[in-house]
Each structure stands twice: as C-alpha cells, then as structure tokens.
Amino acid sequence: MPIIINLDVMLARRKMSLTELSDRVGITMSNLSILKTGKAKAVRLETLESICRVLECQPGDILEFSIG
C-alpha cells in the first residue's frame, strides 16, 4: 500500500503509549492498533484531527505517500 502510517514514530517522539493515546483521543485500542499497523482501509478526518491535536503534530507527520 502506498500510504504509510507513521503513528508509531509520532508516539515514540512524544514518549506516549498507544494506551495513553487511546484514553486521550477516545478511540479504542483495537482501532488505533489497526491504524498503527497500516491495516486500516480508511481514516475519518475527525479521528485524524483528534490524534493530531493530542500528539501536537500535522497530518503529514502521521501519513506518508510512498511511490514504488
């Protein structure tokens, strides 16, 4: 898949666990895990906004497009 999810990178940079992000964003651990592993087929903009707000980052810090 040409879209790469860098959620684990941002979590490491912010020294935050997936559990803490789940609690602060209000998204289940299983849904965040699916997103983190790149298995998600779609991401709601509302979800992306909440994650970016908590991690104090831009959507481009989490999503990356890879050619090839």
C-alpha atoms as a PDB file:
ATOM      1  CA  MET A   1       0.000   0.000   0.000  1.00  0.00           C
ATOM      2  CA  PRO A   2       1.490   3.359  -0.982  1.00  0.00           C
ATOM      3  CA  ILE A   3       0.173   5.132   2.150  1.00  0.00           C
ATOM      4  CA  ILE A   4       2.446   4.596   5.141  1.00  0.00           C
ATOM      5  CA  ILE A   5       1.164   5.248   8.658  1.00  0.00           C
ATOM      6  CA  ASN A   6       3.843   6.686  10.951  1.00  0.00           C
ATOM      7  CA  LEU A   7       1.756   6.688  14.113  1.00  0.00           C
ATOM      8  CA  ASP A   8       4.317   4.596  15.985  1.00  0.00           C
ATOM      9  CA  VAL A   9       7.040   7.122  15.095  1.00  0.00           C
ATOM     10  CA  MET A  10       4.988  10.027  16.446  1.00  0.00           C
ATOM     11  CA  LEU A  11       4.124   8.096  19.598  1.00  0.00           C
ATOM     12  CA  ALA A  12       7.822   7.427  20.196  1.00  0.00           C
ATOM     13  CA  ARG A  13       8.706  11.088  19.595  1.00  0.00           C
ATOM     14  CA  ARG A  14       6.068  12.181  22.104  1.00  0.00           C
ATOM     15  CA  LYS A  15       7.004   9.387  24.538  1.00  0.00           C
ATOM     16  CA  MET A  16       3.379   8.301  24.620  1.00  0.00           C
ATOM     17  CA  SER A  17       1.941   4.797  24.685  1.00  0.00           C
ATOM     18  CA  LEU A  18      -0.872   3.588  22.469  1.00  0.00           C
ATOM     19  CA  THR A  19      -2.925   3.131  25.642  1.00  0.00           C
ATOM     20  CA  GLU A  20      -2.443   6.764  26.648  1.00  0.00           C
ATOM     21  CA  LEU A  21      -3.321   7.965  23.139  1.00  0.00           C
ATOM     22  CA  SER A  22      -6.429   5.790  23.193  1.00  0.00           C
ATOM     23  CA  ASP A  23      -7.535   7.294  26.511  1.00  0.00           C
ATOM     24  CA  ARG A  24      -6.861  10.882  25.439  1.00  0.00           C
ATOM     25  CA  VAL A  25      -8.420  10.595  21.970  1.00  0.00           C
ATOM     26  CA  GLY A  26     -11.355   8.375  22.917  1.00  0.00           C
ATOM     27  CA  ILE A  27     -10.647   5.716  20.300  1.00  0.00           C
ATOM     28  CA  THR A  28     -10.463   2.038  21.169  1.00  0.00           C
ATOM     29  CA  MET A  29      -7.085   0.361  21.403  1.00  0.00           C
ATOM     30  CA  SER A  30      -8.084  -2.101  18.688  1.00  0.00           C
ATOM     31  CA  ASN A  31      -8.955   0.680  16.230  1.00  0.00           C
ATOM     32  CA  LEU A  32      -5.719   2.538  16.958  1.00  0.00           C
ATOM     33  CA  SER A  33      -3.781  -0.708  16.582  1.00  0.00           C
ATOM     34  CA  ILE A  34      -5.359  -1.318  13.167  1.00  0.00           C
ATOM     35  CA  LEU A  35      -4.378   2.192  12.149  1.00  0.00           C
ATOM     36  CA  LYS A  36      -0.856   1.888  13.568  1.00  0.00           C
ATOM     37  CA  THR A  37      -0.147  -1.368  11.735  1.00  0.00           C
ATOM     38  CA  GLY A  38      -1.350   0.080   8.429  1.00  0.00           C
ATOM     39  CA  LYS A  39      -4.288  -2.336   8.145  1.00  0.00           C
ATOM     40  CA  ALA A  40      -6.925   0.418   8.139  1.00  0.00           C
ATOM     41  CA  LYS A  41      -8.734   0.964   4.851  1.00  0.00           C
ATOM     42  CA  ALA A  42      -9.840   4.487   5.788  1.00  0.00           C
ATOM     43  CA  VAL A  43      -9.350   7.149   8.443  1.00  0.00           C
ATOM     44  CA  ARG A  44     -12.044   9.626   9.389  1.00  0.00           C
ATOM     45  CA  LEU A  45     -10.858  13.208   9.295  1.00  0.00           C
ATOM     46  CA  GLU A  46     -12.332  13.684  12.754  1.00  0.00           C
ATOM     47  CA  THR A  47     -10.156  10.836  14.034  1.00  0.00           C
ATOM     48  CA  LEU A  48      -7.049  12.213  12.326  1.00  0.00           C
ATOM     49  CA  GLU A  49      -7.776  15.654  13.771  1.00  0.00           C
ATOM     50  CA  SER A  50      -8.100  14.249  17.299  1.00  0.00           C
ATOM     51  CA  ILE A  51      -4.860  12.293  17.003  1.00  0.00           C
ATOM     52  CA  CYS A  52      -3.011  15.339  15.651  1.00  0.00           C
ATOM     53  CA  ARG A  53      -4.383  17.529  18.429  1.00  0.00           C
ATOM     54  CA  VAL A  54      -3.203  15.128  21.154  1.00  0.00           C
ATOM     55  CA  LEU A  55       0.193  14.463  19.523  1.00  0.00           C
ATOM     56  CA  GLU A  56       0.613  18.134  18.579  1.00  0.00           C
ATOM     57  CA  CYS A  57       1.527  17.288  15.000  1.00  0.00           C
ATOM     58  CA  GLN A  58       0.347  17.722  11.424  1.00  0.00           C
ATOM     59  CA  PRO A  59      -1.454  15.012   9.396  1.00  0.00           C
ATOM     60  CA  GLY A  60       1.645  14.766   7.193  1.00  0.00           C
ATOM     61  CA  ASP A  61       3.638  13.700  10.253  1.00  0.00           C
ATOM     62  CA  ILE A  62       1.417  10.622  10.511  1.00  0.00           C
ATOM     63  CA  LEU A  63       0.568   9.873   6.864  1.00  0.00           C
ATOM     64  CA  GLU A  64       3.180   9.406   4.162  1.00  0.00           C
ATOM     65  CA  PHE A  65       2.762   8.606   0.475  1.00  0.00           C
ATOM     66  CA  SER A  66       5.337   6.217  -0.939  1.00  0.00           C
ATOM     67  CA  ILE A  67       5.879   5.813  -4.674  1.00  0.00           C
ATOM     68  CA  GLY A  68       7.045   2.422  -5.772  1.00  0.00           C
END
